[in-house]
Structures are given as structure tokens and as C-alpha cells.
């Protein structure tokens, strides 16, 4: 399961790439990769927190489903348990 960066960008009011790299303390190549492939559960947690959000606020359905599946030891593939 991956978490789309676009959801965080919307929560932040569509910042420029420069603003986003400064806020998240990452480089532009990381953003390019995230736009192409999305973020892992750990990356989503890391970057949402850096932006001042709980990841469940940014990706409510995906986050809580993944968190519950992880707690139950269920493996996720493409959003399906």
C-alpha cells in the first residue's frame, strides 16, 4: 500500500516544490519519486508529522485501514487485505 503525496500537498494548500522541500526537509528527487510511486506507511507517517499533521488526517481511509491491518498482522497489497 502506498500513500499519494498529492493528499498532503492539498492539505498544505498546494505549496510550490521549493516550499514543500523546505517544509518536509527533503530534496526534489524525493518528491519526484513520491509522485511516481507514493510513500510507504513509514514515509507517510514521517512526512505528515513533519508537516504538522497526523497521517490519519491526510489519508483517513488508507491510514486507518493500514494501521489496523498492521496491528492484526495482515499483509496489504494494493490497498486490499
PDB file of N, CA and C in Angstrom:
ATOM      1  N   UNK A   1       0.840  -1.169   0.000  1.00  0.00           N
ATOM      2  CA  UNK A   1       0.000   0.000   0.000  1.00  0.00           C
ATOM      3  C   UNK A   1       0.887   1.233   0.000  1.00  0.00           C
ATOM      4  N   UNK A   2       0.531   2.192  -0.816  1.00  0.00           N
ATOM      5  CA  UNK A   2       1.270   3.447  -0.841  1.00  0.00           C
ATOM      6  C   UNK A   2       0.309   4.605  -0.581  1.00  0.00           C
ATOM      7  N   UNK A   3       0.881   5.695  -0.135  1.00  0.00           N
ATOM      8  CA  UNK A   3       0.124   6.887   0.215  1.00  0.00           C
ATOM      9  C   UNK A   3       0.516   8.005  -0.749  1.00  0.00           C
ATOM     10  N   UNK A   4      -0.458   8.552  -1.501  1.00  0.00           N
ATOM     11  CA  UNK A   4      -0.138   9.561  -2.505  1.00  0.00           C
ATOM     12  C   UNK A   4       0.263  10.895  -1.876  1.00  0.00           C
ATOM     13  N   UNK A   5       1.349  11.462  -2.350  1.00  0.00           N
ATOM     14  CA  UNK A   5       1.848  12.743  -1.868  1.00  0.00           C
ATOM     15  C   UNK A   5       0.843  13.869  -2.135  1.00  0.00           C
ATOM     16  N   UNK A   6       0.053  13.724  -3.173  1.00  0.00           N
ATOM     17  CA  UNK A   6      -0.895  14.772  -3.541  1.00  0.00           C
ATOM     18  C   UNK A   6      -1.873  15.101  -2.419  1.00  0.00           C
ATOM     19  N   UNK A   7      -2.219  14.117  -1.609  1.00  0.00           N
ATOM     20  CA  UNK A   7      -3.130  14.370  -0.480  1.00  0.00           C
ATOM     21  C   UNK A   7      -2.498  15.327   0.527  1.00  0.00           C
ATOM     22  N   UNK A   8      -1.223  15.146   0.797  1.00  0.00           N
ATOM     23  CA  UNK A   8      -0.535  16.056   1.709  1.00  0.00           C
ATOM     24  C   UNK A   8      -0.389  17.438   1.078  1.00  0.00           C
ATOM     25  N   UNK A   9      -0.104  17.483  -0.202  1.00  0.00           N
ATOM     26  CA  UNK A   9       0.002  18.774  -0.890  1.00  0.00           C
ATOM     27  C   UNK A   9      -1.314  19.548  -0.808  1.00  0.00           C
ATOM     28  N   UNK A  10      -2.443  18.853  -0.972  1.00  0.00           N
ATOM     29  CA  UNK A  10      -3.751  19.513  -0.850  1.00  0.00           C
ATOM     30  C   UNK A  10      -3.961  20.055   0.562  1.00  0.00           C
ATOM     31  N   UNK A  11      -3.593  19.269   1.568  1.00  0.00           N
ATOM     32  CA  UNK A  11      -3.745  19.709   2.964  1.00  0.00           C
ATOM     33  C   UNK A  11      -2.911  20.961   3.236  1.00  0.00           C
ATOM     34  N   UNK A  12      -1.800  21.084   2.544  1.00  0.00           N
ATOM     35  CA  UNK A  12      -0.894  22.217   2.734  1.00  0.00           C
ATOM     36  C   UNK A  12      -1.221  23.404   1.827  1.00  0.00           C
ATOM     37  N   UNK A  13      -2.263  23.296   1.023  1.00  0.00           N
ATOM     38  CA  UNK A  13      -2.651  24.401   0.149  1.00  0.00           C
ATOM     39  C   UNK A  13      -1.850  24.498  -1.130  1.00  0.00           C
ATOM     40  N   UNK A  14      -1.402  23.360  -1.644  1.00  0.00           N
ATOM     41  CA  UNK A  14      -0.662  23.278  -2.909  1.00  0.00           C
ATOM     42  C   UNK A  14       0.605  24.144  -2.899  1.00  0.00           C
ATOM     43  N   UNK A  15       1.538  23.884  -2.008  1.00  0.00           N
ATOM     44  CA  UNK A  15       2.775  24.669  -1.981  1.00  0.00           C
ATOM     45  C   UNK A  15       3.620  24.407  -3.225  1.00  0.00           C
ATOM     46  N   UNK A  16       4.526  25.332  -3.502  1.00  0.00           N
ATOM     47  CA  UNK A  16       5.463  25.114  -4.597  1.00  0.00           C
ATOM     48  C   UNK A  16       6.412  23.979  -4.201  1.00  0.00           C
ATOM     49  N   UNK A  17       7.113  23.447  -5.175  1.00  0.00           N
ATOM     50  CA  UNK A  17       8.058  22.373  -4.876  1.00  0.00           C
ATOM     51  C   UNK A  17       9.134  22.859  -3.903  1.00  0.00           C
ATOM     52  N   UNK A  18       9.604  24.078  -4.093  1.00  0.00           N
ATOM     53  CA  UNK A  18      10.614  24.632  -3.194  1.00  0.00           C
ATOM     54  C   UNK A  18      10.072  24.716  -1.769  1.00  0.00           C
ATOM     55  N   UNK A  19       8.853  25.224  -1.607  1.00  0.00           N
ATOM     56  CA  UNK A  19       8.251  25.333  -0.276  1.00  0.00           C
ATOM     57  C   UNK A  19       8.095  23.954   0.363  1.00  0.00           C
ATOM     58  N   UNK A  20       7.686  22.982  -0.443  1.00  0.00           N
ATOM     59  CA  UNK A  20       7.485  21.635   0.080  1.00  0.00           C
ATOM     60  C   UNK A  20       8.801  20.987   0.506  1.00  0.00           C
ATOM     61  N   UNK A  21       9.850  21.175  -0.280  1.00  0.00           N
ATOM     62  CA  UNK A  21      11.145  20.600   0.111  1.00  0.00           C
ATOM     63  C   UNK A  21      11.643  21.236   1.401  1.00  0.00           C
ATOM     64  N   UNK A  22      11.415  22.514   1.583  1.00  0.00           N
ATOM     65  CA  UNK A  22      11.833  23.185   2.818  1.00  0.00           C
ATOM     66  C   UNK A  22      11.028  22.695   4.011  1.00  0.00           C
ATOM     67  N   UNK A  23       9.719  22.609   3.834  1.00  0.00           N
ATOM     68  CA  UNK A  23       8.845  22.189   4.919  1.00  0.00           C
ATOM     69  C   UNK A  23       9.123  20.748   5.355  1.00  0.00           C
ATOM     70  N   UNK A  24       9.261  19.861   4.365  1.00  0.00           N
ATOM     71  CA  UNK A  24       9.456  18.434   4.665  1.00  0.00           C
ATOM     72  C   UNK A  24      10.916  18.072   4.892  1.00  0.00           C
ATOM     73  N   UNK A  25      11.815  19.018   4.623  1.00  0.00           N
ATOM     74  CA  UNK A  25      13.258  18.799   4.756  1.00  0.00           C
ATOM     75  C   UNK A  25      13.698  17.589   3.932  1.00  0.00           C
ATOM     76  N   UNK A  26      13.372  17.669   2.654  1.00  0.00           N
ATOM     77  CA  UNK A  26      13.770  16.624   1.709  1.00  0.00           C
ATOM     78  C   UNK A  26      14.233  17.310   0.430  1.00  0.00           C
ATOM     79  N   UNK A  27      14.735  16.539  -0.504  1.00  0.00           N
ATOM     80  CA  UNK A  27      15.136  17.157  -1.764  1.00  0.00           C
ATOM     81  C   UNK A  27      14.108  16.868  -2.857  1.00  0.00           C
ATOM     82  N   UNK A  28      14.252  17.582  -3.952  1.00  0.00           N
ATOM     83  CA  UNK A  28      13.285  17.491  -5.048  1.00  0.00           C
ATOM     84  C   UNK A  28      13.194  16.085  -5.627  1.00  0.00           C
ATOM     85  N   UNK A  29      14.300  15.344  -5.629  1.00  0.00           N
ATOM     86  CA  UNK A  29      14.257  13.980  -6.184  1.00  0.00           C
ATOM     87  C   UNK A  29      13.372  13.069  -5.331  1.00  0.00           C
ATOM     88  N   UNK A  30      13.333  13.303  -4.021  1.00  0.00           N
ATOM     89  CA  UNK A  30      12.441  12.517  -3.168  1.00  0.00           C
ATOM     90  C   UNK A  30      10.981  12.790  -3.502  1.00  0.00           C
ATOM     91  N   UNK A  31      10.664  14.050  -3.807  1.00  0.00           N
ATOM     92  CA  UNK A  31       9.298  14.404  -4.184  1.00  0.00           C
ATOM     93  C   UNK A  31       8.921  13.786  -5.525  1.00  0.00           C
ATOM     94  N   UNK A  32       9.862  13.789  -6.465  1.00  0.00           N
ATOM     95  CA  UNK A  32       9.614  13.186  -7.779  1.00  0.00           C
ATOM     96  C   UNK A  32       9.312  11.701  -7.624  1.00  0.00           C
ATOM     97  N   UNK A  33      10.098  11.026  -6.806  1.00  0.00           N
ATOM     98  CA  UNK A  33       9.867   9.600  -6.559  1.00  0.00           C
ATOM     99  C   UNK A  33       8.518   9.382  -5.879  1.00  0.00           C
ATOM    100  N   UNK A  34       8.201  10.223  -4.911  1.00  0.00           N
ATOM    101  CA  UNK A  34       6.925  10.088  -4.203  1.00  0.00           C
ATOM    102  C   UNK A  34       5.746  10.311  -5.137  1.00  0.00           C
ATOM    103  N   UNK A  35       5.878  11.250  -6.063  1.00  0.00           N
ATOM    104  CA  UNK A  35       4.784  11.484  -7.014  1.00  0.00           C
ATOM    105  C   UNK A  35       4.597  10.300  -7.953  1.00  0.00           C
ATOM    106  N   UNK A  36       5.673   9.643  -8.273  1.00  0.00           N
ATOM    107  CA  UNK A  36       5.597   8.492  -9.181  1.00  0.00           C
ATOM    108  C   UNK A  36       5.107   7.232  -8.477  1.00  0.00           C
ATOM    109  N   UNK A  37       5.560   7.007  -7.235  1.00  0.00           N
ATOM    110  CA  UNK A  37       5.318   5.738  -6.559  1.00  0.00           C
ATOM    111  C   UNK A  37       4.536   5.832  -5.256  1.00  0.00           C
ATOM    112  N   UNK A  38       4.372   7.030  -4.727  1.00  0.00           N
ATOM    113  CA  UNK A  38       3.715   7.190  -3.433  1.00  0.00           C
ATOM    114  C   UNK A  38       4.691   6.927  -2.298  1.00  0.00           C
ATOM    115  N   UNK A  39       4.211   7.104  -1.088  1.00  0.00           N
ATOM    116  CA  UNK A  39       5.030   6.871   0.100  1.00  0.00           C
ATOM    117  C   UNK A  39       4.624   5.586   0.791  1.00  0.00           C
ATOM    118  N   UNK A  40       5.583   4.966   1.419  1.00  0.00           N
ATOM    119  CA  UNK A  40       5.287   3.798   2.264  1.00  0.00           C
ATOM    120  C   UNK A  40       4.582   4.280   3.521  1.00  0.00           C
ATOM    121  N   UNK A  41       4.128   3.346   4.326  1.00  0.00           N
ATOM    122  CA  UNK A  41       3.454   3.663   5.590  1.00  0.00           C
ATOM    123  C   UNK A  41       4.373   4.502   6.478  1.00  0.00           C
ATOM    124  N   UNK A  42       5.622   4.110   6.593  1.00  0.00           N
ATOM    125  CA  UNK A  42       6.578   4.833   7.422  1.00  0.00           C
ATOM    126  C   UNK A  42       6.891   6.218   6.890  1.00  0.00           C
ATOM    127  N   UNK A  43       7.039   6.326   5.570  1.00  0.00           N
ATOM    128  CA  UNK A  43       7.306   7.636   4.965  1.00  0.00           C
ATOM    129  C   UNK A  43       6.110   8.570   5.133  1.00  0.00           C
ATOM    130  N   UNK A  44       4.909   8.038   4.950  1.00  0.00           N
ATOM    131  CA  UNK A  44       3.701   8.849   5.117  1.00  0.00           C
ATOM    132  C   UNK A  44       3.627   9.393   6.542  1.00  0.00           C
ATOM    133  N   UNK A  45       3.912   8.558   7.509  1.00  0.00           N
ATOM    134  CA  UNK A  45       3.924   8.988   8.909  1.00  0.00           C
ATOM    135  C   UNK A  45       4.970  10.077   9.121  1.00  0.00           C
ATOM    136  N   UNK A  46       6.155   9.833   8.621  1.00  0.00           N
ATOM    137  CA  UNK A  46       7.276  10.763   8.789  1.00  0.00           C
ATOM    138  C   UNK A  46       6.965  12.141   8.199  1.00  0.00           C
ATOM    139  N   UNK A  47       6.528  12.174   6.952  1.00  0.00           N
ATOM    140  CA  UNK A  47       6.320  13.453   6.285  1.00  0.00           C
ATOM    141  C   UNK A  47       5.049  14.164   6.742  1.00  0.00           C
ATOM    142  N   UNK A  48       3.989  13.445   7.031  1.00  0.00           N
ATOM    143  CA  UNK A  48       2.786  14.093   7.559  1.00  0.00           C
ATOM    144  C   UNK A  48       3.103  14.762   8.889  1.00  0.00           C
ATOM    145  N   UNK A  49       3.853  14.076   9.728  1.00  0.00           N
ATOM    146  CA  UNK A  49       4.229  14.632  11.027  1.00  0.00           C
ATOM    147  C   UNK A  49       5.104  15.866  10.862  1.00  0.00           C
ATOM    148  N   UNK A  50       6.044  15.818   9.951  1.00  0.00           N
ATOM    149  CA  UNK A  50       6.882  16.994   9.688  1.00  0.00           C
ATOM    150  C   UNK A  50       6.046  18.187   9.237  1.00  0.00           C
ATOM    151  N   UNK A  51       4.966  17.914   8.525  1.00  0.00           N
ATOM    152  CA  UNK A  51       4.092  18.981   8.030  1.00  0.00           C
ATOM    153  C   UNK A  51       3.101  19.448   9.094  1.00  0.00           C
ATOM    154  N   UNK A  52       3.097  18.782  10.253  1.00  0.00           N
ATOM    155  CA  UNK A  52       2.225  19.202  11.341  1.00  0.00           C
ATOM    156  C   UNK A  52       0.887  18.490  11.405  1.00  0.00           C
ATOM    157  N   UNK A  53       0.774  17.365  10.717  1.00  0.00           N
ATOM    158  CA  UNK A  53      -0.476  16.600  10.695  1.00  0.00           C
ATOM    159  C   UNK A  53      -0.259  15.199  11.234  1.00  0.00           C
ATOM    160  N   UNK A  54      -1.327  14.590  11.692  1.00  0.00           N
ATOM    161  CA  UNK A  54      -1.324  13.151  11.930  1.00  0.00           C
ATOM    162  C   UNK A  54      -1.636  12.528  10.573  1.00  0.00           C
ATOM    163  N   UNK A  55      -0.949  11.456  10.186  1.00  0.00           N
ATOM    164  CA  UNK A  55      -1.209  10.871   8.867  1.00  0.00           C
ATOM    165  C   UNK A  55      -2.669  10.451   8.668  1.00  0.00           C
ATOM    166  N   UNK A  56      -3.367  10.148   9.752  1.00  0.00           N
ATOM    167  CA  UNK A  56      -4.784   9.811   9.637  1.00  0.00           C
ATOM    168  C   UNK A  56      -5.637  10.988   9.184  1.00  0.00           C
ATOM    169  N   UNK A  57      -5.139  12.212   9.369  1.00  0.00           N
ATOM    170  CA  UNK A  57      -5.835  13.396   8.868  1.00  0.00           C
ATOM    171  C   UNK A  57      -5.647  13.540   7.360  1.00  0.00           C
ATOM    172  N   UNK A  58      -4.479  13.164   6.886  1.00  0.00           N
ATOM    173  CA  UNK A  58      -4.136  13.340   5.472  1.00  0.00           C
ATOM    174  C   UNK A  58      -4.715  12.220   4.614  1.00  0.00           C
ATOM    175  N   UNK A  59      -4.590  10.991   5.084  1.00  0.00           N
ATOM    176  CA  UNK A  59      -5.070   9.809   4.356  1.00  0.00           C
ATOM    177  C   UNK A  59      -6.012   9.023   5.264  1.00  0.00           C
ATOM    178  N   UNK A  60      -7.197   9.558   5.594  1.00  0.00           N
ATOM    179  CA  UNK A  60      -8.028   8.917   6.618  1.00  0.00           C
ATOM    180  C   UNK A  60      -8.386   7.456   6.332  1.00  0.00           C
ATOM    181  N   UNK A  61      -8.881   7.159   5.172  1.00  0.00           N
ATOM    182  CA  UNK A  61      -9.276   5.776   4.882  1.00  0.00           C
ATOM    183  C   UNK A  61      -8.073   4.853   4.773  1.00  0.00           C
ATOM    184  N   UNK A  62      -7.076   5.285   4.017  1.00  0.00           N
ATOM    185  CA  UNK A  62      -5.889   4.449   3.830  1.00  0.00           C
ATOM    186  C   UNK A  62      -5.129   4.239   5.128  1.00  0.00           C
ATOM    187  N   UNK A  63      -4.932   5.321   5.875  1.00  0.00           N
ATOM    188  CA  UNK A  63      -4.106   5.245   7.083  1.00  0.00           C
ATOM    189  C   UNK A  63      -4.697   4.285   8.108  1.00  0.00           C
ATOM    190  N   UNK A  64      -5.969   4.484   8.432  1.00  0.00           N
ATOM    191  CA  UNK A  64      -6.557   3.664   9.499  1.00  0.00           C
ATOM    192  C   UNK A  64      -6.718   2.216   9.059  1.00  0.00           C
ATOM    193  N   UNK A  65      -7.008   1.981   7.799  1.00  0.00           N
ATOM    194  CA  UNK A  65      -7.091   0.601   7.311  1.00  0.00           C
ATOM    195  C   UNK A  65      -5.731  -0.076   7.398  1.00  0.00           C
ATOM    196  N   UNK A  66      -4.689   0.640   6.989  1.00  0.00           N
ATOM    197  CA  UNK A  66      -3.332   0.080   7.040  1.00  0.00           C
ATOM    198  C   UNK A  66      -2.893  -0.137   8.480  1.00  0.00           C
ATOM    199  N   UNK A  67      -3.208   0.808   9.360  1.00  0.00           N
ATOM    200  CA  UNK A  67      -2.810   0.686  10.764  1.00  0.00           C
ATOM    201  C   UNK A  67      -3.483  -0.511  11.419  1.00  0.00           C
ATOM    202  N   UNK A  68      -4.754  -0.704  11.146  1.00  0.00           N
ATOM    203  CA  UNK A  68      -5.471  -1.845  11.731  1.00  0.00           C
ATOM    204  C   UNK A  68      -4.962  -3.160  11.163  1.00  0.00           C
ATOM    205  N   UNK A  69      -4.688  -3.184   9.870  1.00  0.00           N
ATOM    206  CA  UNK A  69      -4.159  -4.400   9.246  1.00  0.00           C
ATOM    207  C   UNK A  69      -2.783  -4.730   9.806  1.00  0.00           C
ATOM    208  N   UNK A  70      -1.951  -3.714   9.974  1.00  0.00           N
ATOM    209  CA  UNK A  70      -0.612  -3.915  10.521  1.00  0.00           C
ATOM    210  C   UNK A  70      -0.692  -4.482  11.933  1.00  0.00           C
ATOM    211  N   UNK A  71      -1.584  -3.938  12.710  1.00  0.00           N
ATOM    212  CA  UNK A  71      -1.758  -4.410  14.102  1.00  0.00           C
ATOM    213  C   UNK A  71      -2.230  -5.861  14.142  1.00  0.00           C
ATOM    214  N   UNK A  72      -3.054  -6.230  13.161  1.00  0.00           N
ATOM    215  CA  UNK A  72      -3.573  -7.592  13.111  1.00  0.00           C
ATOM    216  C   UNK A  72      -2.617  -8.542  12.398  1.00  0.00           C
ATOM    217  N   UNK A  73      -1.521  -8.013  11.861  1.00  0.00           N
ATOM    218  CA  UNK A  73      -0.545  -8.856  11.175  1.00  0.00           C
ATOM    219  C   UNK A  73      -0.974  -9.226   9.765  1.00  0.00           C
ATOM    220  N   UNK A  74      -1.845  -8.445   9.171  1.00  0.00           N
ATOM    221  CA  UNK A  74      -2.325  -8.706   7.818  1.00  0.00           C
ATOM    222  C   UNK A  74      -1.435  -7.975   6.834  1.00  0.00           C
ATOM    223  N   UNK A  75      -1.036  -8.652   5.763  1.00  0.00           N
ATOM    224  CA  UNK A  75      -0.225  -8.005   4.723  1.00  0.00           C
ATOM    225  C   UNK A  75      -1.144  -7.316   3.740  1.00  0.00           C
ATOM    226  N   UNK A  76      -0.747  -6.130   3.312  1.00  0.00           N
ATOM    227  CA  UNK A  76      -1.536  -5.357   2.345  1.00  0.00           C
ATOM    228  C   UNK A  76      -0.887  -5.402   0.984  1.00  0.00           C
ATOM    229  N   UNK A  77      -1.727  -5.478  -0.037  1.00  0.00           N
ATOM    230  CA  UNK A  77      -1.242  -5.414  -1.418  1.00  0.00           C
ATOM    231  C   UNK A  77      -2.244  -4.572  -2.199  1.00  0.00           C
ATOM    232  N   UNK A  78      -1.788  -3.446  -2.695  1.00  0.00           N
ATOM    233  CA  UNK A  78      -2.641  -2.554  -3.476  1.00  0.00           C
ATOM    234  C   UNK A  78      -3.929  -2.180  -2.749  1.00  0.00           C
ATOM    235  N   UNK A  79      -3.843  -1.959  -1.456  1.00  0.00           N
ATOM    236  CA  UNK A  79      -4.987  -1.497  -0.688  1.00  0.00           C
ATOM    237  C   UNK A  79      -5.998  -2.556  -0.336  1.00  0.00           C
ATOM    238  N   UNK A  80      -5.695  -3.811  -0.590  1.00  0.00           N
ATOM    239  CA  UNK A  80      -6.627  -4.894  -0.287  1.00  0.00           C
ATOM    240  C   UNK A  80      -5.970  -5.841   0.705  1.00  0.00           C
ATOM    241  N   UNK A  81      -6.675  -6.094   1.790  1.00  0.00           N
ATOM    242  CA  UNK A  81      -6.121  -7.004   2.811  1.00  0.00           C
ATOM    243  C   UNK A  81      -6.397  -8.433   2.413  1.00  0.00           C
TER     244      UNK A  81
END
